[in-house]
PDB file of N, CA and C in Angstrom:
ATOM      1  N   MET A   1     -20.812-116.241 -40.385  1.00  0.00           N
ATOM      2  CA  MET A   1     -21.781-116.989 -40.654  1.00  0.00           C
ATOM      3  C   MET A   1     -22.242-117.012 -42.068  1.00  0.00           C
ATOM      4  N   LYS A   2     -22.560-118.132 -42.472  1.00  0.00           N
ATOM      5  CA  LYS A   2     -23.061-118.337 -43.839  1.00  0.00           C
ATOM      6  C   LYS A   2     -24.580-118.303 -43.825  1.00  0.00           C
ATOM      7  N   LYS A   3     -24.831-117.220 -44.877  1.00  0.00           N
ATOM      8  CA  LYS A   3     -26.293-117.019 -45.109  1.00  0.00           C
ATOM      9  C   LYS A   3     -27.074-117.952 -45.805  1.00  0.00           C
ATOM     10  N   ILE A   4     -28.145-118.778 -45.465  1.00  0.00           N
ATOM     11  CA  ILE A   4     -28.896-119.684 -46.416  1.00  0.00           C
ATOM     12  C   ILE A   4     -29.723-119.146 -47.069  1.00  0.00           C
ATOM     13  N   PRO A   5     -29.969-119.210 -48.312  1.00  0.00           N
ATOM     14  CA  PRO A   5     -30.790-118.664 -49.160  1.00  0.00           C
ATOM     15  C   PRO A   5     -32.427-118.913 -48.938  1.00  0.00           C
ATOM     16  N   ILE A   6     -33.268-118.275 -48.963  1.00  0.00           N
ATOM     17  CA  ILE A   6     -34.698-118.260 -48.684  1.00  0.00           C
ATOM     18  C   ILE A   6     -35.528-118.167 -50.035  1.00  0.00           C
ATOM     19  N   LEU A   7     -36.285-119.215 -50.085  1.00  0.00           N
ATOM     20  CA  LEU A   7     -36.863-119.376 -51.164  1.00  0.00           C
ATOM     21  C   LEU A   7     -37.892-118.583 -51.402  1.00  0.00           C
ATOM     22  N   SER A   8     -37.898-117.677 -52.238  1.00  0.00           N
ATOM     23  CA  SER A   8     -39.558-116.837 -52.238  1.00  0.00           C
ATOM     24  C   SER A   8     -40.900-117.576 -52.772  1.00  0.00           C
ATOM     25  N   PHE A   9     -41.838-117.344 -52.509  1.00  0.00           N
ATOM     26  CA  PHE A   9     -43.148-117.998 -52.906  1.00  0.00           C
ATOM     27  C   PHE A   9     -43.179-117.271 -54.466  1.00  0.00           C
ATOM     28  N   PHE A  10     -43.026-115.753 -54.397  1.00  0.00           N
ATOM     29  CA  PHE A  10     -43.300-115.389 -55.408  1.00  0.00           C
ATOM     30  C   PHE A  10     -42.453-115.487 -56.767  1.00  0.00           C
ATOM     31  N   GLY A  11     -40.943-115.872 -56.084  1.00  0.00           N
ATOM     32  CA  GLY A  11     -40.183-116.396 -57.080  1.00  0.00           C
ATOM     33  C   GLY A  11     -40.353-117.718 -57.916  1.00  0.00           C
ATOM     34  N   LEU A  12     -40.691-118.474 -57.061  1.00  0.00           N
ATOM     35  CA  LEU A  12     -41.273-119.935 -57.509  1.00  0.00           C
ATOM     36  C   LEU A  12     -42.762-119.542 -58.718  1.00  0.00           C
ATOM     37  N   THR A  13     -43.908-119.002 -58.232  1.00  0.00           N
ATOM     38  CA  THR A  13     -44.942-118.510 -59.281  1.00  0.00           C
ATOM     39  C   THR A  13     -44.414-118.099 -60.322  1.00  0.00           C
ATOM     40  N   GLY A  14     -43.457-117.045 -60.366  1.00  0.00           N
ATOM     41  CA  GLY A  14     -43.075-116.241 -61.666  1.00  0.00           C
ATOM     42  C   GLY A  14     -42.267-117.321 -62.639  1.00  0.00           C
ATOM     43  N   GLU A  15     -41.700-118.703 -61.938  1.00  0.00           N
ATOM     44  CA  GLU A  15     -41.024-119.606 -62.534  1.00  0.00           C
ATOM     45  C   GLU A  15     -42.180-120.460 -63.244  1.00  0.00           C
ATOM     46  N   LEU A  16     -43.034-120.718 -62.274  1.00  0.00           N
ATOM     47  CA  LEU A  16     -44.432-121.509 -62.706  1.00  0.00           C
ATOM     48  C   LEU A  16     -45.407-121.031 -63.995  1.00  0.00           C
ATOM     49  N   ALA A  17     -45.663-119.759 -63.816  1.00  0.00           N
ATOM     50  CA  ALA A  17     -46.078-119.076 -65.001  1.00  0.00           C
ATOM     51  C   ALA A  17     -45.360-118.711 -66.094  1.00  0.00           C
ATOM     52  N   TYR A  18     -44.087-118.856 -65.884  1.00  0.00           N
ATOM     53  CA  TYR A  18     -43.065-118.797 -67.106  1.00  0.00           C
ATOM     54  C   TYR A  18     -43.359-120.264 -68.087  1.00  0.00           C
ATOM     55  N   LEU A  19     -43.613-121.344 -67.534  1.00  0.00           N
ATOM     56  CA  LEU A  19     -43.940-122.399 -67.971  1.00  0.00           C
ATOM     57  C   LEU A  19     -45.294-122.824 -68.739  1.00  0.00           C
ATOM     58  N   LYS A  20     -46.308-122.130 -68.279  1.00  0.00           N
ATOM     59  CA  LYS A  20     -47.690-122.236 -68.670  1.00  0.00           C
ATOM     60  C   LYS A  20     -47.929-121.772 -70.255  1.00  0.00           C
ATOM     61  N   SER A  21     -48.771-122.074 -70.760  1.00  0.00           N
ATOM     62  CA  SER A  21     -48.850-122.062 -72.058  1.00  0.00           C
ATOM     63  C   SER A  21     -50.573-121.760 -72.111  1.00  0.00           C
ATOM     64  N   TYR A  22     -50.639-120.637 -72.878  1.00  0.00           N
ATOM     65  CA  TYR A  22     -52.279-120.157 -73.367  1.00  0.00           C
ATOM     66  C   TYR A  22     -52.394-120.391 -74.745  1.00  0.00           C
ATOM     67  N   ILE A  23     -53.258-120.930 -75.163  1.00  0.00           N
ATOM     68  CA  ILE A  23     -53.918-121.185 -76.565  1.00  0.00           C
ATOM     69  C   ILE A  23     -55.298-120.556 -76.651  1.00  0.00           C
ATOM     70  N   ARG A  24     -55.389-119.325 -77.386  1.00  0.00           N
ATOM     71  CA  ARG A  24     -56.881-119.122 -77.541  1.00  0.00           C
ATOM     72  C   ARG A  24     -57.039-119.306 -79.089  1.00  0.00           C
ATOM     73  N   ILE A  25     -58.524-119.714 -79.253  1.00  0.00           N
ATOM     74  CA  ILE A  25     -59.017-119.992 -80.426  1.00  0.00           C
ATOM     75  C   ILE A  25     -60.244-119.444 -80.659  1.00  0.00           C
ATOM     76  N   ALA A  26     -60.067-118.748 -81.879  1.00  0.00           N
ATOM     77  CA  ALA A  26     -61.211-117.632 -82.190  1.00  0.00           C
ATOM     78  C   ALA A  26     -61.966-118.533 -83.576  1.00  0.00           C
ATOM     79  N   ASP A  27     -62.749-119.507 -83.360  1.00  0.00           N
ATOM     80  CA  ASP A  27     -63.794-119.929 -84.268  1.00  0.00           C
ATOM     81  C   ASP A  27     -62.572-121.053 -84.914  1.00  0.00           C
ATOM     82  N   ASN A  28     -62.613-121.333 -86.076  1.00  0.00           N
ATOM     83  CA  ASN A  28     -61.547-122.040 -86.873  1.00  0.00           C
ATOM     84  C   ASN A  28     -60.693-121.465 -87.830  1.00  0.00           C
ATOM     85  N   THR A  29     -60.600-120.338 -87.470  1.00  0.00           N
ATOM     86  CA  THR A  29     -59.880-119.279 -88.071  1.00  0.00           C
ATOM     87  C   THR A  29     -58.810-118.525 -87.595  1.00  0.00           C
ATOM     88  N   GLU A  30     -58.310-118.292 -86.168  1.00  0.00           N
ATOM     89  CA  GLU A  30     -57.287-117.906 -85.793  1.00  0.00           C
ATOM     90  C   GLU A  30     -57.223-118.822 -84.386  1.00  0.00           C
ATOM     91  N   ALA A  31     -55.860-118.747 -84.081  1.00  0.00           N
ATOM     92  CA  ALA A  31     -55.425-119.250 -82.851  1.00  0.00           C
ATOM     93  C   ALA A  31     -54.052-118.891 -82.339  1.00  0.00           C
ATOM     94  N   ILE A  32     -54.035-118.184 -80.992  1.00  0.00           N
ATOM     95  CA  ILE A  32     -53.068-117.097 -80.761  1.00  0.00           C
ATOM     96  C   ILE A  32     -52.377-118.183 -79.360  1.00  0.00           C
ATOM     97  N   VAL A  33     -51.031-118.305 -79.634  1.00  0.00           N
ATOM     98  CA  VAL A  33     -50.364-119.304 -78.693  1.00  0.00           C
ATOM     99  C   VAL A  33     -49.539-118.028 -78.131  1.00  0.00           C
ATOM    100  N   GLU A  34     -49.405-118.113 -76.670  1.00  0.00           N
ATOM    101  CA  GLU A  34     -48.905-117.515 -75.909  1.00  0.00           C
ATOM    102  C   GLU A  34     -47.621-118.303 -75.102  1.00  0.00           C
ATOM    103  N   ASN A  35     -46.544-117.676 -74.663  1.00  0.00           N
ATOM    104  CA  ASN A  35     -45.198-118.259 -74.165  1.00  0.00           C
ATOM    105  C   ASN A  35     -44.544-119.309 -75.347  1.00  0.00           C
ATOM    106  N   CYS A  36     -44.770-118.544 -76.390  1.00  0.00           N
ATOM    107  CA  CYS A  36     -43.928-119.360 -77.813  1.00  0.00           C
ATOM    108  C   CYS A  36     -42.608-119.056 -77.628  1.00  0.00           C
ATOM    109  N   LYS A  37     -41.826-120.259 -77.462  1.00  0.00           N
ATOM    110  CA  LYS A  37     -40.145-120.078 -77.421  1.00  0.00           C
ATOM    111  C   LYS A  37     -39.559-120.279 -78.925  1.00  0.00           C
ATOM    112  N   GLN A  38     -40.379-120.799 -79.614  1.00  0.00           N
ATOM    113  CA  GLN A  38     -39.722-121.173 -81.070  1.00  0.00           C
ATOM    114  C   GLN A  38     -40.767-121.418 -82.104  1.00  0.00           C
ATOM    115  N   ILE A  39     -40.542-121.116 -83.142  1.00  0.00           N
ATOM    116  CA  ILE A  39     -41.588-121.456 -84.475  1.00  0.00           C
ATOM    117  C   ILE A  39     -40.365-122.659 -84.947  1.00  0.00           C
ATOM    118  N   CYS A  40     -41.024-124.220 -85.078  1.00  0.00           N
ATOM    119  CA  CYS A  40     -40.197-124.983 -85.498  1.00  0.00           C
ATOM    120  C   CYS A  40     -40.370-125.385 -87.235  1.00  0.00           C
ATOM    121  N   GLU A  41     -41.789-124.666 -87.555  1.00  0.00           N
ATOM    122  CA  GLU A  41     -42.220-125.181 -88.848  1.00  0.00           C
ATOM    123  C   GLU A  41     -43.399-124.217 -89.258  1.00  0.00           C
ATOM    124  N   CYS A  42     -43.555-123.965 -90.229  1.00  0.00           N
ATOM    125  CA  CYS A  42     -44.566-122.947 -90.918  1.00  0.00           C
ATOM    126  C   CYS A  42     -44.577-123.265 -92.443  1.00  0.00           C
ATOM    127  N   THR A  43     -46.012-124.036 -92.613  1.00  0.00           N
ATOM    128  CA  THR A  43     -46.173-124.494 -93.790  1.00  0.00           C
ATOM    129  C   THR A  43     -47.536-124.031 -94.021  1.00  0.00           C
ATOM    130  N   ASP A  44     -48.005-123.939 -95.368  1.00  0.00           N
ATOM    131  CA  ASP A  44     -49.659-123.661 -95.549  1.00  0.00           C
ATOM    132  C   ASP A  44     -50.418-124.607 -94.700  1.00  0.00           C
ATOM    133  N   VAL A  45     -49.997-126.077 -94.543  1.00  0.00           N
ATOM    134  CA  VAL A  45     -50.984-126.857 -93.746  1.00  0.00           C
ATOM    135  C   VAL A  45     -50.702-127.256 -92.439  1.00  0.00           C
ATOM    136  N   CYS A  46     -49.232-126.960 -92.023  1.00  0.00           N
ATOM    137  CA  CYS A  46     -48.902-127.146 -90.383  1.00  0.00           C
ATOM    138  C   CYS A  46     -48.250-125.971 -90.152  1.00  0.00           C
ATOM    139  N   VAL A  47     -48.401-125.706 -88.627  1.00  0.00           N
ATOM    140  CA  VAL A  47     -47.388-124.839 -88.000  1.00  0.00           C
ATOM    141  C   VAL A  47     -47.391-125.428 -86.627  1.00  0.00           C
ATOM    142  N   ARG A  48     -45.971-125.438 -86.382  1.00  0.00           N
ATOM    143  CA  ARG A  48     -45.288-126.187 -85.226  1.00  0.00           C
ATOM    144  C   ARG A  48     -44.596-125.325 -84.226  1.00  0.00           C
ATOM    145  N   VAL A  49     -45.051-124.753 -83.164  1.00  0.00           N
ATOM    146  CA  VAL A  49     -44.414-123.940 -82.229  1.00  0.00           C
ATOM    147  C   VAL A  49     -43.932-124.718 -81.219  1.00  0.00           C
ATOM    148  N   MET A  50     -42.717-124.372 -80.493  1.00  0.00           N
ATOM    149  CA  MET A  50     -42.583-124.847 -78.987  1.00  0.00           C
ATOM    150  C   MET A  50     -42.923-123.788 -78.066  1.00  0.00           C
ATOM    151  N   THR A  51     -43.596-124.245 -76.937  1.00  0.00           N
ATOM    152  CA  THR A  51     -43.842-123.673 -75.822  1.00  0.00           C
ATOM    153  C   THR A  51     -42.944-123.858 -74.416  1.00  0.00           C
ATOM    154  N   GLY A  52     -43.432-123.375 -73.524  1.00  0.00           N
ATOM    155  CA  GLY A  52     -42.727-123.410 -72.238  1.00  0.00           C
ATOM    156  C   GLY A  52     -42.640-125.369 -71.927  1.00  0.00           C
ATOM    157  N   SER A  53     -43.269-125.516 -72.126  1.00  0.00           N
ATOM    158  CA  SER A  53     -43.922-126.903 -71.626  1.00  0.00           C
ATOM    159  C   SER A  53     -44.560-127.757 -72.766  1.00  0.00           C
ATOM    160  N   PHE A  54     -44.878-127.607 -73.975  1.00  0.00           N
ATOM    161  CA  PHE A  54     -45.839-128.364 -75.117  1.00  0.00           C
ATOM    162  C   PHE A  54     -44.806-127.903 -76.615  1.00  0.00           C
ATOM    163  N   GLU A  55     -45.168-128.790 -77.340  1.00  0.00           N
ATOM    164  CA  GLU A  55     -45.230-128.673 -78.967  1.00  0.00           C
ATOM    165  C   GLU A  55     -46.321-128.875 -79.276  1.00  0.00           C
ATOM    166  N   VAL A  56     -46.794-127.427 -80.090  1.00  0.00           N
ATOM    167  CA  VAL A  56     -48.048-127.434 -80.334  1.00  0.00           C
ATOM    168  C   VAL A  56     -47.874-127.623 -82.139  1.00  0.00           C
ATOM    169  N   GLU A  57     -48.824-128.501 -82.879  1.00  0.00           N
ATOM    170  CA  GLU A  57     -48.893-128.521 -83.894  1.00  0.00           C
ATOM    171  C   GLU A  57     -50.443-128.171 -84.261  1.00  0.00           C
ATOM    172  N   ILE A  58     -50.682-127.270 -85.176  1.00  0.00           N
ATOM    173  CA  ILE A  58     -51.880-126.713 -85.729  1.00  0.00           C
ATOM    174  C   ILE A  58     -51.784-127.144 -87.382  1.00  0.00           C
ATOM    175  N   TRP A  59     -52.797-128.034 -87.785  1.00  0.00           N
ATOM    176  CA  TRP A  59     -53.146-128.415 -88.951  1.00  0.00           C
ATOM    177  C   TRP A  59     -54.197-127.726 -89.540  1.00  0.00           C
ATOM    178  N   GLY A  60     -54.191-127.578 -90.603  1.00  0.00           N
ATOM    179  CA  GLY A  60     -55.314-126.907 -91.691  1.00  0.00           C
ATOM    180  C   GLY A  60     -54.961-126.808 -92.771  1.00  0.00           C
ATOM    181  N   ALA A  61     -55.393-125.596 -93.429  1.00  0.00           N
ATOM    182  CA  ALA A  61     -55.326-124.953 -94.868  1.00  0.00           C
ATOM    183  C   ALA A  61     -55.218-123.816 -94.570  1.00  0.00           C
ATOM    184  N   GLU A  62     -53.897-122.942 -95.717  1.00  0.00           N
ATOM    185  CA  GLU A  62     -53.989-121.729 -95.848  1.00  0.00           C
ATOM    186  C   GLU A  62     -53.466-121.114 -94.735  1.00  0.00           C
ATOM    187  N   LEU A  63     -52.545-121.861 -93.743  1.00  0.00           N
ATOM    188  CA  LEU A  63     -52.142-121.342 -92.617  1.00  0.00           C
ATOM    189  C   LEU A  63     -50.967-120.449 -92.752  1.00  0.00           C
ATOM    190  N   MET A  64     -50.910-119.308 -92.028  1.00  0.00           N
ATOM    191  CA  MET A  64     -50.060-118.365 -91.887  1.00  0.00           C
ATOM    192  C   MET A  64     -49.848-117.858 -90.841  1.00  0.00           C
ATOM    193  N   LEU A  65     -48.390-117.181 -90.415  1.00  0.00           N
ATOM    194  CA  LEU A  65     -48.484-116.412 -89.090  1.00  0.00           C
ATOM    195  C   LEU A  65     -48.520-114.741 -89.885  1.00  0.00           C
ATOM    196  N   SER A  66     -49.335-114.156 -88.872  1.00  0.00           N
ATOM    197  CA  SER A  66     -49.577-112.831 -89.019  1.00  0.00           C
ATOM    198  C   SER A  66     -48.883-111.772 -87.734  1.00  0.00           C
ATOM    199  N   ASN A  67     -48.311-112.578 -87.116  1.00  0.00           N
ATOM    200  CA  ASN A  67     -47.948-111.764 -85.662  1.00  0.00           C
ATOM    201  C   ASN A  67     -46.976-112.697 -85.138  1.00  0.00           C
ATOM    202  N   TYR A  68     -45.925-112.116 -84.820  1.00  0.00           N
ATOM    203  CA  TYR A  68     -44.904-113.121 -84.048  1.00  0.00           C
ATOM    204  C   TYR A  68     -44.082-111.536 -82.806  1.00  0.00           C
ATOM    205  N   THR A  69     -44.546-111.682 -81.726  1.00  0.00           N
ATOM    206  CA  THR A  69     -43.926-111.011 -81.010  1.00  0.00           C
ATOM    207  C   THR A  69     -43.393-112.006 -79.705  1.00  0.00           C
ATOM    208  N   GLU A  70     -42.773-111.127 -78.851  1.00  0.00           N
ATOM    209  CA  GLU A  70     -42.035-111.814 -77.954  1.00  0.00           C
ATOM    210  C   GLU A  70     -42.882-112.776 -77.147  1.00  0.00           C
ATOM    211  N   GLU A  71     -42.596-113.759 -77.451  1.00  0.00           N
ATOM    212  CA  GLU A  71     -43.441-115.057 -76.842  1.00  0.00           C
ATOM    213  C   GLU A  71     -45.095-114.990 -76.970  1.00  0.00           C
ATOM    214  N   CYS A  72     -45.340-114.351 -77.973  1.00  0.00           N
ATOM    215  CA  CYS A  72     -46.689-114.780 -78.316  1.00  0.00           C
ATOM    216  C   CYS A  72     -46.970-114.822 -80.219  1.00  0.00           C
ATOM    217  N   VAL A  73     -47.382-115.834 -80.587  1.00  0.00           N
ATOM    218  CA  VAL A  73     -47.439-116.112 -82.243  1.00  0.00           C
ATOM    219  C   VAL A  73     -48.974-116.298 -82.445  1.00  0.00           C
ATOM    220  N   GLU A  74     -49.817-115.603 -83.515  1.00  0.00           N
ATOM    221  CA  GLU A  74     -51.084-115.899 -84.040  1.00  0.00           C
ATOM    222  C   GLU A  74     -50.760-116.524 -85.510  1.00  0.00           C
ATOM    223  N   ILE A  75     -51.599-117.537 -85.554  1.00  0.00           N
ATOM    224  CA  ILE A  75     -52.087-118.270 -86.795  1.00  0.00           C
ATOM    225  C   ILE A  75     -53.190-118.002 -87.210  1.00  0.00           C
ATOM    226  N   HIS A  76     -53.058-117.740 -88.700  1.00  0.00           N
ATOM    227  CA  HIS A  76     -54.482-117.448 -89.248  1.00  0.00           C
ATOM    228  C   HIS A  76     -54.844-118.703 -90.197  1.00  0.00           C
ATOM    229  N   GLY A  77     -56.033-118.928 -90.800  1.00  0.00           N
ATOM    230  CA  GLY A  77     -56.062-119.747 -91.873  1.00  0.00           C
ATOM    231  C   GLY A  77     -57.500-120.832 -91.567  1.00  0.00           C
ATOM    232  N   THR A  78     -57.287-121.699 -91.899  1.00  0.00           N
ATOM    233  CA  THR A  78     -58.471-122.816 -91.876  1.00  0.00           C
ATOM    234  C   THR A  78     -58.020-123.823 -90.866  1.00  0.00           C
ATOM    235  N   ILE A  79     -58.272-123.676 -89.498  1.00  0.00           N
ATOM    236  CA  ILE A  79     -57.804-124.407 -88.469  1.00  0.00           C
ATOM    237  C   ILE A  79     -58.497-126.034 -88.808  1.00  0.00           C
ATOM    238  N   GLU A  80     -57.709-127.136 -88.575  1.00  0.00           N
ATOM    239  CA  GLU A  80     -58.907-128.435 -88.683  1.00  0.00           C
ATOM    240  C   GLU A  80     -58.416-129.002 -87.473  1.00  0.00           C
ATOM    241  N   GLN A  81     -56.917-128.973 -86.865  1.00  0.00           N
ATOM    242  CA  GLN A  81     -56.589-129.937 -85.788  1.00  0.00           C
ATOM    243  C   GLN A  81     -55.554-129.186 -85.119  1.00  0.00           C
ATOM    244  N   ILE A  82     -55.401-129.749 -83.781  1.00  0.00           N
ATOM    245  CA  ILE A  82     -54.571-128.761 -82.737  1.00  0.00           C
ATOM    246  C   ILE A  82     -54.023-130.074 -81.698  1.00  0.00           C
ATOM    247  N   LYS A  83     -52.863-130.242 -82.058  1.00  0.00           N
ATOM    248  CA  LYS A  83     -52.102-131.608 -81.389  1.00  0.00           C
ATOM    249  C   LYS A  83     -50.893-130.912 -80.191  1.00  0.00           C
ATOM    250  N   LEU A  84     -51.086-131.452 -79.017  1.00  0.00           N
ATOM    251  CA  LEU A  84     -50.467-130.927 -78.052  1.00  0.00           C
ATOM    252  C   LEU A  84     -49.275-131.968 -77.624  1.00  0.00           C
ATOM    253  N   THR A  85     -48.029-132.015 -77.506  1.00  0.00           N
ATOM    254  CA  THR A  85     -47.373-133.109 -76.953  1.00  0.00           C
ATOM    255  C   THR A  85     -46.583-132.515 -75.954  1.00  0.00           C
ATOM    256  N   SER A  86     -46.402-132.850 -74.818  1.00  0.00           N
ATOM    257  CA  SER A  86     -45.420-132.692 -73.663  1.00  0.00           C
ATOM    258  C   SER A  86     -44.099-132.610 -74.149  1.00  0.00           C
ATOM    259  N   ARG A  87     -43.315-131.525 -73.670  1.00  0.00           N
ATOM    260  CA  ARG A  87     -41.613-131.729 -74.075  1.00  0.00           C
ATOM    261  C   ARG A  87     -41.197-132.574 -73.324  1.00  0.00           C
ATOM    262  N   ARG A  88     -41.787-132.900 -72.588  1.00  0.00           N
ATOM    263  CA  ARG A  88     -40.864-134.202 -71.412  1.00  0.00           C
ATOM    264  C   ARG A  88     -41.007-135.291 -72.176  1.00  0.00           C
ATOM    265  N   ILE A  89     -42.292-135.485 -72.692  1.00  0.00           N
ATOM    266  CA  ILE A  89     -42.543-136.942 -73.327  1.00  0.00           C
ATOM    267  C   ILE A  89     -41.989-136.937 -74.757  1.00  0.00           C
ATOM    268  N   ARG A  90     -41.291-135.719 -75.372  1.00  0.00           N
ATOM    269  CA  ARG A  90     -40.695-135.797 -76.884  1.00  0.00           C
ATOM    270  C   ARG A  90     -39.293-135.694 -76.479  1.00  0.00           C
ATOM    271  N   GLU A  91     -38.573-135.042 -75.309  1.00  0.00           N
ATOM    272  CA  GLU A  91     -37.398-135.210 -74.903  1.00  0.00           C
ATOM    273  C   GLU A  91     -36.880-136.761 -74.763  1.00  0.00           C
ATOM    274  N   ARG A  92     -37.902-137.653 -74.013  1.00  0.00           N
ATOM    275  CA  ARG A  92     -37.789-139.044 -73.687  1.00  0.00           C
ATOM    276  C   ARG A  92     -37.773-139.608 -75.005  1.00  0.00           C
ATOM    277  N   GLU A  93     -38.701-139.280 -75.788  1.00  0.00           N
ATOM    278  CA  GLU A  93     -38.102-140.318 -77.198  1.00  0.00           C
ATOM    279  C   GLU A  93     -37.079-140.003 -78.107  1.00  0.00           C
ATOM    280  N   SER A  94     -36.640-138.778 -77.834  1.00  0.00           N
ATOM    281  CA  SER A  94     -35.436-138.330 -78.702  1.00  0.00           C
ATOM    282  C   SER A  94     -34.193-139.311 -78.232  1.00  0.00           C
TER     283      SER A  94
END
């Protein structure tokens, strides 16, 4: 008799939590992006990172990364604008 795999609710919530992205903004001088998968660009005016479900662009002045740990990045400087683009939309445009 062949066993049918049972989907675990806890397994699904783990996968869903993996896709969620959290951005914490402290005033206009610091942003912390959790669930960061890749740093795509880092200049003094733009930082662009990929998360599980979004591309995050942070625009400003004197921007720099002060800390990059596993799946978390801290951006410091003068933050003027944050833009989120769904990775699904971006993949369709490519």
